PDB file of all heavy atoms in Angstrom:
ATOM      1  N   ASN A   1      -5.659  21.912   3.568  1.00  0.00           N
ATOM      2  CA  ASN A   1      -4.807  21.693   4.725  1.00  0.00           C
ATOM      3  C   ASN A   1      -5.040  20.295   5.281  1.00  0.00           C
ATOM      4  O   ASN A   1      -5.929  19.575   4.694  1.00  0.00           O
ATOM      5  CB  ASN A   1      -5.100  22.750   5.850  1.00  0.00           C
ATOM      6  CG  ASN A   1      -6.685  22.843   6.138  1.00  0.00           C
ATOM      7  OD1 ASN A   1      -7.294  21.813   6.306  1.00  0.00           O
ATOM      8  ND2 ASN A   1      -7.168  24.006   6.196  1.00  0.00           N
ATOM      9  N   ILE A   2      -4.331  19.941   6.238  1.00  0.00           N
ATOM     10  CA  ILE A   2      -4.505  18.524   6.796  1.00  0.00           C
ATOM     11  C   ILE A   2      -5.850  18.310   7.390  1.00  0.00           C
ATOM     12  O   ILE A   2      -6.371  17.205   7.329  1.00  0.00           O
ATOM     13  CB  ILE A   2      -3.371  18.287   7.816  1.00  0.00           C
ATOM     14  CG1 ILE A   2      -2.028  18.214   7.113  1.00  0.00           C
ATOM     15  CG2 ILE A   2      -3.602  17.051   8.637  1.00  0.00           C
ATOM     16  CD1 ILE A   2      -0.773  18.078   8.065  1.00  0.00           C
ATOM     17  N   ASN A   3      -6.431  19.326   8.074  1.00  0.00           N
ATOM     18  CA  ASN A   3      -7.738  19.158   8.566  1.00  0.00           C
ATOM     19  C   ASN A   3      -8.768  18.788   7.529  1.00  0.00           C
ATOM     20  O   ASN A   3      -9.749  17.992   7.675  1.00  0.00           O
ATOM     21  CB  ASN A   3      -8.186  20.425   9.318  1.00  0.00           C
ATOM     22  CG  ASN A   3      -9.450  20.183  10.090  1.00  0.00           C
ATOM     23  OD1 ASN A   3      -9.563  19.385  10.945  1.00  0.00           O
ATOM     24  ND2 ASN A   3     -10.561  20.922   9.674  1.00  0.00           N
ATOM     25  N   ASP A   4      -8.649  19.410   6.270  1.00  0.00           N
ATOM     26  CA  ASP A   4      -9.466  19.105   5.211  1.00  0.00           C
ATOM     27  C   ASP A   4      -9.425  17.553   4.861  1.00  0.00           C
ATOM     28  O   ASP A   4     -10.385  16.926   4.508  1.00  0.00           O
ATOM     29  CB  ASP A   4      -9.112  19.861   3.887  1.00  0.00           C
ATOM     30  CG  ASP A   4      -9.536  21.331   3.997  1.00  0.00           C
ATOM     31  OD1 ASP A   4     -10.328  21.670   4.922  1.00  0.00           O
ATOM     32  OD2 ASP A   4      -9.111  22.113   3.205  1.00  0.00           O
ATOM     33  N   ILE A   5      -8.134  16.986   4.877  1.00  0.00           N
ATOM     34  CA  ILE A   5      -7.915  15.641   4.596  1.00  0.00           C
ATOM     35  C   ILE A   5      -8.612  14.738   5.608  1.00  0.00           C
ATOM     36  O   ILE A   5      -9.323  13.837   5.219  1.00  0.00           O
ATOM     37  CB  ILE A   5      -6.469  15.297   4.598  1.00  0.00           C
ATOM     38  CG1 ILE A   5      -5.727  15.936   3.405  1.00  0.00           C
ATOM     39  CG2 ILE A   5      -6.172  13.828   4.569  1.00  0.00           C
ATOM     40  CD1 ILE A   5      -4.172  15.762   3.380  1.00  0.00           C
ATOM     41  N   LEU A   6      -8.488  15.140   6.835  1.00  0.00           N
ATOM     42  CA  LEU A   6      -9.179  14.340   7.886  1.00  0.00           C
ATOM     43  C   LEU A   6     -10.623  14.381   7.784  1.00  0.00           C
ATOM     44  O   LEU A   6     -11.329  13.403   7.997  1.00  0.00           O
ATOM     45  CB  LEU A   6      -8.702  14.868   9.314  1.00  0.00           C
ATOM     46  CG  LEU A   6      -7.167  14.875   9.557  1.00  0.00           C
ATOM     47  CD1 LEU A   6      -6.833  15.357  10.934  1.00  0.00           C
ATOM     48  CD2 LEU A   6      -6.558  13.478   9.312  1.00  0.00           C
ATOM     49  N   GLU A   7     -11.210  15.561   7.563  1.00  0.00           N
ATOM     50  CA  GLU A   7     -12.695  15.704   7.407  1.00  0.00           C
ATOM     51  C   GLU A   7     -13.206  14.895   6.204  1.00  0.00           C
ATOM     52  O   GLU A   7     -14.220  14.225   6.240  1.00  0.00           O
ATOM     53  CB  GLU A   7     -13.106  17.183   7.244  1.00  0.00           C
ATOM     54  CG  GLU A   7     -12.965  17.947   8.537  1.00  0.00           C
ATOM     55  CD  GLU A   7     -13.907  17.467   9.610  1.00  0.00           C
ATOM     56  OE1 GLU A   7     -15.041  17.087   9.318  1.00  0.00           O
ATOM     57  OE2 GLU A   7     -13.409  17.336  10.758  1.00  0.00           O
ATOM     58  N   ARG A   8     -12.419  14.871   5.106  1.00  0.00           N
ATOM     59  CA  ARG A   8     -12.786  14.165   3.923  1.00  0.00           C
ATOM     60  C   ARG A   8     -12.837  12.621   4.210  1.00  0.00           C
ATOM     61  O   ARG A   8     -13.694  11.871   3.804  1.00  0.00           O
ATOM     62  CB  ARG A   8     -11.845  14.438   2.794  1.00  0.00           C
ATOM     63  CG  ARG A   8     -12.248  13.905   1.447  1.00  0.00           C
ATOM     64  CD  ARG A   8     -13.538  14.491   0.890  1.00  0.00           C
ATOM     65  NE  ARG A   8     -13.535  15.891   0.865  1.00  0.00           N
ATOM     66  CZ  ARG A   8     -12.932  16.667  -0.106  1.00  0.00           C
ATOM     67  NH1 ARG A   8     -12.334  16.013  -1.093  1.00  0.00           N
ATOM     68  NH2 ARG A   8     -12.917  17.951  -0.069  1.00  0.00           N
ATOM     69  N   LEU A   9     -11.805  12.095   4.891  1.00  0.00           N
ATOM     70  CA  LEU A   9     -11.680  10.790   5.307  1.00  0.00           C
ATOM     71  C   LEU A   9     -12.819  10.327   6.196  1.00  0.00           C
ATOM     72  O   LEU A   9     -13.534   9.284   5.990  1.00  0.00           O
ATOM     73  CB  LEU A   9     -10.350  10.459   6.004  1.00  0.00           C
ATOM     74  CG  LEU A   9      -9.106  10.532   5.125  1.00  0.00           C
ATOM     75  CD1 LEU A   9      -7.849  10.458   5.992  1.00  0.00           C
ATOM     76  CD2 LEU A   9      -9.066   9.429   4.150  1.00  0.00           C
ATOM     77  N   LYS A  10     -13.130  11.159   7.187  1.00  0.00           N
ATOM     78  CA  LYS A  10     -14.240  10.911   8.125  1.00  0.00           C
ATOM     79  C   LYS A  10     -15.591  10.810   7.290  1.00  0.00           C
ATOM     80  O   LYS A  10     -16.402   9.915   7.551  1.00  0.00           O
ATOM     81  CB  LYS A  10     -14.294  12.038   9.228  1.00  0.00           C
ATOM     82  CG  LYS A  10     -15.454  11.804  10.227  1.00  0.00           C
ATOM     83  CD  LYS A  10     -15.334  12.968  11.213  1.00  0.00           C
ATOM     84  CE  LYS A  10     -16.487  12.813  12.229  1.00  0.00           C
ATOM     85  NZ  LYS A  10     -16.487  13.926  13.139  1.00  0.00           N
ATOM     86  N   GLN A  11     -15.769  11.813   6.419  1.00  0.00           N
ATOM     87  CA  GLN A  11     -16.983  11.854   5.607  1.00  0.00           C
ATOM     88  C   GLN A  11     -17.118  10.634   4.762  1.00  0.00           C
ATOM     89  O   GLN A  11     -18.223  10.071   4.588  1.00  0.00           O
ATOM     90  CB  GLN A  11     -16.978  13.104   4.786  1.00  0.00           C
ATOM     91  CG  GLN A  11     -18.182  13.359   3.932  1.00  0.00           C
ATOM     92  CD  GLN A  11     -17.965  14.608   3.011  1.00  0.00           C
ATOM     93  OE1 GLN A  11     -16.886  15.178   2.855  1.00  0.00           O
ATOM     94  NE2 GLN A  11     -19.140  15.079   2.461  1.00  0.00           N
ATOM     95  N   TYR A  12     -16.024  10.181   4.157  1.00  0.00           N
ATOM     96  CA  TYR A  12     -16.006   8.998   3.261  1.00  0.00           C
ATOM     97  C   TYR A  12     -16.431   7.794   4.085  1.00  0.00           C
ATOM     98  O   TYR A  12     -17.313   6.999   3.571  1.00  0.00           O
ATOM     99  CB  TYR A  12     -14.676   8.862   2.674  1.00  0.00           C
ATOM    100  CG  TYR A  12     -14.542   7.721   1.649  1.00  0.00           C
ATOM    101  CD1 TYR A  12     -14.945   7.900   0.389  1.00  0.00           C
ATOM    102  CD2 TYR A  12     -13.986   6.477   2.056  1.00  0.00           C
ATOM    103  CE1 TYR A  12     -14.847   6.863  -0.563  1.00  0.00           C
ATOM    104  CE2 TYR A  12     -13.889   5.445   1.106  1.00  0.00           C
ATOM    105  CZ  TYR A  12     -14.313   5.636  -0.180  1.00  0.00           C
ATOM    106  OH  TYR A  12     -14.177   4.628  -1.096  1.00  0.00           O
ATOM    107  N   LYS A  13     -15.919   7.593   5.227  1.00  0.00           N
ATOM    108  CA  LYS A  13     -16.234   6.414   6.049  1.00  0.00           C
ATOM    109  C   LYS A  13     -17.755   6.404   6.323  1.00  0.00           C
ATOM    110  O   LYS A  13     -18.425   5.388   6.259  1.00  0.00           O
ATOM    111  CB  LYS A  13     -15.472   6.413   7.296  1.00  0.00           C
ATOM    112  CG  LYS A  13     -15.818   5.282   8.275  1.00  0.00           C
ATOM    113  CD  LYS A  13     -14.970   5.286   9.499  1.00  0.00           C
ATOM    114  CE  LYS A  13     -15.531   4.344  10.593  1.00  0.00           C
ATOM    115  NZ  LYS A  13     -15.274   2.965  10.387  1.00  0.00           N
ATOM    116  N   GLU A  14     -18.269   7.575   6.658  1.00  0.00           N
ATOM    117  CA  GLU A  14     -19.660   7.676   6.958  1.00  0.00           C
ATOM    118  C   GLU A  14     -20.598   7.473   5.845  1.00  0.00           C
ATOM    119  O   GLU A  14     -21.551   6.677   5.870  1.00  0.00           O
ATOM    120  CB  GLU A  14     -20.015   9.047   7.660  1.00  0.00           C
ATOM    121  CG  GLU A  14     -19.295   9.207   9.030  1.00  0.00           C
ATOM    122  CD  GLU A  14     -19.419  10.645   9.531  1.00  0.00           C
ATOM    123  OE1 GLU A  14     -19.976  11.480   8.781  1.00  0.00           O
ATOM    124  OE2 GLU A  14     -18.992  10.852  10.738  1.00  0.00           O
ATOM    125  N   GLU A  15     -20.278   8.127   4.730  1.00  0.00           N
ATOM    126  CA  GLU A  15     -21.170   8.109   3.493  1.00  0.00           C
ATOM    127  C   GLU A  15     -21.134   6.702   2.924  1.00  0.00           C
ATOM    128  O   GLU A  15     -22.130   6.263   2.379  1.00  0.00           O
ATOM    129  CB  GLU A  15     -20.685   9.133   2.529  1.00  0.00           C
ATOM    130  CG  GLU A  15     -21.002  10.546   2.934  1.00  0.00           C
ATOM    131  CD  GLU A  15     -20.564  11.574   1.880  1.00  0.00           C
ATOM    132  OE1 GLU A  15     -19.829  11.195   0.979  1.00  0.00           O
ATOM    133  OE2 GLU A  15     -20.860  12.717   2.092  1.00  0.00           O
ATOM    134  N   GLU A  16     -19.941   6.008   2.976  1.00  0.00           N
ATOM    135  CA  GLU A  16     -19.844   4.735   2.350  1.00  0.00           C
ATOM    136  C   GLU A  16     -20.176   3.572   3.307  1.00  0.00           C
ATOM    137  O   GLU A  16     -20.054   2.420   2.923  1.00  0.00           O
ATOM    138  CB  GLU A  16     -18.421   4.492   1.748  1.00  0.00           C
ATOM    139  CG  GLU A  16     -18.041   5.515   0.678  1.00  0.00           C
ATOM    140  CD  GLU A  16     -18.931   5.444  -0.511  1.00  0.00           C
ATOM    141  OE1 GLU A  16     -19.341   4.289  -0.968  1.00  0.00           O
ATOM    142  OE2 GLU A  16     -19.223   6.498  -1.172  1.00  0.00           O
ATOM    143  N   ASN A  17     -20.495   3.937   4.520  1.00  0.00           N
ATOM    144  CA  ASN A  17     -20.856   2.986   5.623  1.00  0.00           C
ATOM    145  C   ASN A  17     -19.737   1.887   5.745  1.00  0.00           C
ATOM    146  O   ASN A  17     -20.003   0.628   5.738  1.00  0.00           O
ATOM    147  CB  ASN A  17     -22.164   2.289   5.267  1.00  0.00           C
ATOM    148  CG  ASN A  17     -23.344   3.228   5.323  1.00  0.00           C
ATOM    149  OD1 ASN A  17     -23.441   3.995   6.186  1.00  0.00           O
ATOM    150  ND2 ASN A  17     -24.224   3.117   4.356  1.00  0.00           N
ATOM    151  N   ILE A  18     -18.499   2.351   5.793  1.00  0.00           N
ATOM    152  CA  ILE A  18     -17.362   1.463   5.944  1.00  0.00           C
ATOM    153  C   ILE A  18     -17.143   1.020   7.397  1.00  0.00           C
ATOM    154  O   ILE A  18     -16.976   1.855   8.289  1.00  0.00           O
ATOM    155  CB  ILE A  18     -16.065   2.139   5.437  1.00  0.00           C
ATOM    156  CG1 ILE A  18     -16.239   2.519   3.927  1.00  0.00           C
ATOM    157  CG2 ILE A  18     -14.838   1.333   5.623  1.00  0.00           C
ATOM    158  CD1 ILE A  18     -15.084   3.326   3.357  1.00  0.00           C
ATOM    159  N   PRO A  19     -17.246  -0.297   7.607  1.00  0.00           N
ATOM    160  CA  PRO A  19     -17.168  -0.744   9.011  1.00  0.00           C
ATOM    161  C   PRO A  19     -15.763  -0.672   9.579  1.00  0.00           C
ATOM    162  O   PRO A  19     -14.839  -0.546   8.842  1.00  0.00           O
ATOM    163  CB  PRO A  19     -17.612  -2.166   8.928  1.00  0.00           C
ATOM    164  CG  PRO A  19     -17.220  -2.616   7.542  1.00  0.00           C
ATOM    165  CD  PRO A  19     -17.482  -1.392   6.704  1.00  0.00           C
ATOM    166  N   ASP A  20     -15.612  -0.675  10.855  1.00  0.00           N
ATOM    167  CA  ASP A  20     -14.343  -0.718  11.437  1.00  0.00           C
ATOM    168  C   ASP A  20     -13.591  -1.971  10.954  1.00  0.00           C
ATOM    169  O   ASP A  20     -14.160  -2.981  10.790  1.00  0.00           O
ATOM    170  CB  ASP A  20     -14.446  -0.774  12.961  1.00  0.00           C
ATOM    171  CG  ASP A  20     -14.879   0.558  13.586  1.00  0.00           C
ATOM    172  OD1 ASP A  20     -15.003   1.541  12.874  1.00  0.00           O
ATOM    173  OD2 ASP A  20     -15.164   0.504  14.805  1.00  0.00           O
ATOM    174  N   GLY A  21     -12.235  -1.772  10.863  1.00  0.00           N
ATOM    175  CA  GLY A  21     -11.435  -2.899  10.360  1.00  0.00           C
ATOM    176  C   GLY A  21     -11.258  -2.982   8.841  1.00  0.00           C
ATOM    177  O   GLY A  21     -10.296  -3.620   8.379  1.00  0.00           O
ATOM    178  N   GLU A  22     -12.105  -2.318   8.115  1.00  0.00           N
ATOM    179  CA  GLU A  22     -11.911  -2.320   6.666  1.00  0.00           C
ATOM    180  C   GLU A  22     -10.964  -1.217   6.198  1.00  0.00           C
ATOM    181  O   GLU A  22     -11.018  -0.148   6.771  1.00  0.00           O
ATOM    182  CB  GLU A  22     -13.387  -2.175   6.006  1.00  0.00           C
ATOM    183  CG  GLU A  22     -13.264  -2.328   4.458  1.00  0.00           C
ATOM    184  CD  GLU A  22     -14.701  -2.380   3.890  1.00  0.00           C
ATOM    185  OE1 GLU A  22     -15.525  -3.042   4.454  1.00  0.00           O
ATOM    186  OE2 GLU A  22     -14.947  -1.710   2.887  1.00  0.00           O
ATOM    187  N   TRP A  23     -10.187  -1.549   5.180  1.00  0.00           N
ATOM    188  CA  TRP A  23      -9.231  -0.581   4.657  1.00  0.00           C
ATOM    189  C   TRP A  23      -9.840   0.660   3.967  1.00  0.00           C
ATOM    190  O   TRP A  23     -10.939   0.438   3.318  1.00  0.00           O
ATOM    191  CB  TRP A  23      -8.237  -1.253   3.645  1.00  0.00           C
ATOM    192  CG  TRP A  23      -7.153  -2.049   4.283  1.00  0.00           C
ATOM    193  CD1 TRP A  23      -7.292  -3.316   4.816  1.00  0.00           C
ATOM    194  CD2 TRP A  23      -5.846  -1.636   4.518  1.00  0.00           C
ATOM    195  NE1 TRP A  23      -6.012  -3.738   5.296  1.00  0.00           N
ATOM    196  CE2 TRP A  23      -5.107  -2.690   5.127  1.00  0.00           C
ATOM    197  CE3 TRP A  23      -5.076  -0.471   4.138  1.00  0.00           C
ATOM    198  CZ2 TRP A  23      -3.799  -2.645   5.526  1.00  0.00           C
ATOM    199  CZ3 TRP A  23      -3.725  -0.399   4.529  1.00  0.00           C
ATOM    200  CH2 TRP A  23      -3.128  -1.465   5.161  1.00  0.00           C
ATOM    201  N   ILE A  24      -9.235   1.757   4.148  1.00  0.00           N
ATOM    202  CA  ILE A  24      -9.631   2.999   3.457  1.00  0.00           C
ATOM    203  C   ILE A  24      -8.437   3.554   2.745  1.00  0.00           C
ATOM    204  O   ILE A  24      -7.353   3.638   3.333  1.00  0.00           O
ATOM    205  CB  ILE A  24     -10.211   4.019   4.452  1.00  0.00           C
ATOM    206  CG1 ILE A  24     -11.495   3.509   5.069  1.00  0.00           C
ATOM    207  CG2 ILE A  24     -10.466   5.377   3.732  1.00  0.00           C
ATOM    208  CD1 ILE A  24     -12.084   4.465   6.084  1.00  0.00           C
ATOM    209  N   PHE A  25      -8.575   3.842   1.402  1.00  0.00           N
ATOM    210  CA  PHE A  25      -7.483   4.383   0.636  1.00  0.00           C
ATOM    211  C   PHE A  25      -7.839   5.748   0.161  1.00  0.00           C
ATOM    212  O   PHE A  25      -9.014   6.058  -0.281  1.00  0.00           O
ATOM    213  CB  PHE A  25      -7.176   3.457  -0.564  1.00  0.00           C
ATOM    214  CG  PHE A  25      -6.861   2.083  -0.142  1.00  0.00           C
ATOM    215  CD1 PHE A  25      -7.699   1.025  -0.312  1.00  0.00           C
ATOM    216  CD2 PHE A  25      -5.568   1.800   0.437  1.00  0.00           C
ATOM    217  CE1 PHE A  25      -7.486  -0.201  -0.021  1.00  0.00           C
ATOM    218  CE2 PHE A  25      -5.251   0.479   0.750  1.00  0.00           C
ATOM    219  CZ  PHE A  25      -6.146  -0.592   0.467  1.00  0.00           C
ATOM    220  N   GLY A  26      -6.815   6.639   0.113  1.00  0.00           N
ATOM    221  CA  GLY A  26      -7.011   7.976  -0.431  1.00  0.00           C
ATOM    222  C   GLY A  26      -5.890   8.262  -1.399  1.00  0.00           C
ATOM    223  O   GLY A  26      -4.849   7.637  -1.412  1.00  0.00           O
ATOM    224  N   TRP A  27      -6.082   9.225  -2.340  1.00  0.00           N
ATOM    225  CA  TRP A  27      -5.116   9.524  -3.351  1.00  0.00           C
ATOM    226  C   TRP A  27      -5.009  11.079  -3.596  1.00  0.00           C
ATOM    227  O   TRP A  27      -5.983  11.697  -3.452  1.00  0.00           O
ATOM    228  CB  TRP A  27      -5.394   8.795  -4.626  1.00  0.00           C
ATOM    229  CG  TRP A  27      -6.597   9.314  -5.385  1.00  0.00           C
ATOM    230  CD1 TRP A  27      -7.933   9.072  -5.097  1.00  0.00           C
ATOM    231  CD2 TRP A  27      -6.589  10.239  -6.596  1.00  0.00           C
ATOM    232  NE1 TRP A  27      -8.691   9.794  -5.973  1.00  0.00           N
ATOM    233  CE2 TRP A  27      -7.964  10.425  -6.882  1.00  0.00           C
ATOM    234  CE3 TRP A  27      -5.610  10.774  -7.360  1.00  0.00           C
ATOM    235  CZ2 TRP A  27      -8.384  11.222  -7.981  1.00  0.00           C
ATOM    236  CZ3 TRP A  27      -6.019  11.621  -8.448  1.00  0.00           C
ATOM    237  CH2 TRP A  27      -7.329  11.802  -8.731  1.00  0.00           C
ATOM    238  N   GLY A  28      -3.849  11.514  -4.013  1.00  0.00           N
ATOM    239  CA  GLY A  28      -3.673  12.779  -4.549  1.00  0.00           C
ATOM    240  C   GLY A  28      -3.282  13.923  -3.625  1.00  0.00           C
ATOM    241  O   GLY A  28      -3.109  15.064  -4.068  1.00  0.00           O
ATOM    242  N   TYR A  29      -3.009  13.629  -2.299  1.00  0.00           N
ATOM    243  CA  TYR A  29      -2.657  14.722  -1.431  1.00  0.00           C
ATOM    244  C   TYR A  29      -1.293  15.203  -1.824  1.00  0.00           C
ATOM    245  O   TYR A  29      -0.423  14.460  -2.325  1.00  0.00           O
ATOM    246  CB  TYR A  29      -2.721  14.288   0.045  1.00  0.00           C
ATOM    247  CG  TYR A  29      -1.372  13.641   0.562  1.00  0.00           C
ATOM    248  CD1 TYR A  29      -0.416  14.423   1.088  1.00  0.00           C
ATOM    249  CD2 TYR A  29      -1.240  12.283   0.531  1.00  0.00           C
ATOM    250  CE1 TYR A  29       0.804  13.838   1.514  1.00  0.00           C
ATOM    251  CE2 TYR A  29      -0.074  11.672   0.943  1.00  0.00           C
ATOM    252  CZ  TYR A  29       0.954  12.449   1.439  1.00  0.00           C
ATOM    253  OH  TYR A  29       2.164  11.900   1.901  1.00  0.00           O
ATOM    254  N   ASP A  30      -1.082  16.508  -1.608  1.00  0.00           N
ATOM    255  CA  ASP A  30       0.270  17.145  -2.053  1.00  0.00           C
ATOM    256  C   ASP A  30       0.721  17.973  -0.838  1.00  0.00           C
ATOM    257  O   ASP A  30       0.141  19.044  -0.612  1.00  0.00           O
ATOM    258  CB  ASP A  30       0.065  17.917  -3.283  1.00  0.00           C
ATOM    259  CG  ASP A  30       1.312  18.600  -3.807  1.00  0.00           C
ATOM    260  OD1 ASP A  30       2.369  18.503  -3.145  1.00  0.00           O
ATOM    261  OD2 ASP A  30       1.346  19.051  -4.911  1.00  0.00           O
ATOM    262  N   ASP A  31       1.704  17.513  -0.162  1.00  0.00           N
ATOM    263  CA  ASP A  31       2.198  18.253   0.992  1.00  0.00           C
ATOM    264  C   ASP A  31       2.627  19.678   0.658  1.00  0.00           C
ATOM    265  O   ASP A  31       2.467  20.634   1.471  1.00  0.00           O
ATOM    266  CB  ASP A  31       3.343  17.544   1.706  1.00  0.00           C
ATOM    267  CG  ASP A  31       4.538  17.305   0.705  1.00  0.00           C
ATOM    268  OD1 ASP A  31       4.332  16.631  -0.367  1.00  0.00           O
ATOM    269  OD2 ASP A  31       5.672  17.730   1.026  1.00  0.00           O
ATOM    270  N   GLY A  32       3.080  19.887  -0.570  1.00  0.00           N
ATOM    271  CA  GLY A  32       3.534  21.282  -0.930  1.00  0.00           C
ATOM    272  C   GLY A  32       2.413  22.174  -1.116  1.00  0.00           C
ATOM    273  O   GLY A  32       2.660  23.420  -1.097  1.00  0.00           O
ATOM    274  N   GLN A  33       1.225  21.707  -1.294  1.00  0.00           N
ATOM    275  CA  GLN A  33       0.025  22.611  -1.431  1.00  0.00           C
ATOM    276  C   GLN A  33      -0.763  22.770  -0.145  1.00  0.00           C
ATOM    277  O   GLN A  33      -1.830  23.348  -0.144  1.00  0.00           O
ATOM    278  CB  GLN A  33      -0.810  22.041  -2.606  1.00  0.00           C
ATOM    279  CG  GLN A  33      -0.106  22.073  -3.917  1.00  0.00           C
ATOM    280  CD  GLN A  33       0.450  23.413  -4.377  1.00  0.00           C
ATOM    281  OE1 GLN A  33      -0.266  24.440  -4.217  1.00  0.00           O
ATOM    282  NE2 GLN A  33       1.662  23.477  -4.763  1.00  0.00           N
ATOM    283  N   LEU A  34      -0.427  21.997   0.882  1.00  0.00           N
ATOM    284  CA  LEU A  34      -1.105  22.104   2.183  1.00  0.00           C
ATOM    285  C   LEU A  34      -0.580  23.301   2.952  1.00  0.00           C
ATOM    286  O   LEU A  34       0.591  23.653   2.904  1.00  0.00           O
ATOM    287  CB  LEU A  34      -0.901  20.816   2.985  1.00  0.00           C
ATOM    288  CG  LEU A  34      -1.369  19.532   2.390  1.00  0.00           C
ATOM    289  CD1 LEU A  34      -1.043  18.308   3.330  1.00  0.00           C
ATOM    290  CD2 LEU A  34      -2.851  19.578   2.016  1.00  0.00           C
ATOM    291  N   ALA A  35      -1.478  23.906   3.768  1.00  0.00           N
ATOM    292  CA  ALA A  35      -1.103  25.055   4.511  1.00  0.00           C
ATOM    293  C   ALA A  35       0.142  24.813   5.433  1.00  0.00           C
ATOM    294  O   ALA A  35       0.877  25.681   5.728  1.00  0.00           O
ATOM    295  CB  ALA A  35      -2.300  25.608   5.280  1.00  0.00           C
ATOM    296  N   GLU A  36       0.113  23.546   5.988  1.00  0.00           N
ATOM    297  CA  GLU A  36       1.134  23.185   6.929  1.00  0.00           C
ATOM    298  C   GLU A  36       2.477  22.895   6.278  1.00  0.00           C
ATOM    299  O   GLU A  36       3.496  22.783   6.960  1.00  0.00           O
ATOM    300  CB  GLU A  36       0.711  21.947   7.727  1.00  0.00           C
ATOM    301  CG  GLU A  36      -0.580  22.096   8.620  1.00  0.00           C
ATOM    302  CD  GLU A  36      -1.884  21.947   7.793  1.00  0.00           C
ATOM    303  OE1 GLU A  36      -1.810  21.766   6.568  1.00  0.00           O
ATOM    304  OE2 GLU A  36      -2.931  21.983   8.418  1.00  0.00           O
TER     305      GLU A  36
END
């Protein structure tokens, strides 16, 4: 679901120590497979 996406993004920023202002890219989400 979308909340999983958000949690994964938040986790990635924290684990990779990505500072504010730096780009973050994600791949592979499929709207047809999300609960929403």
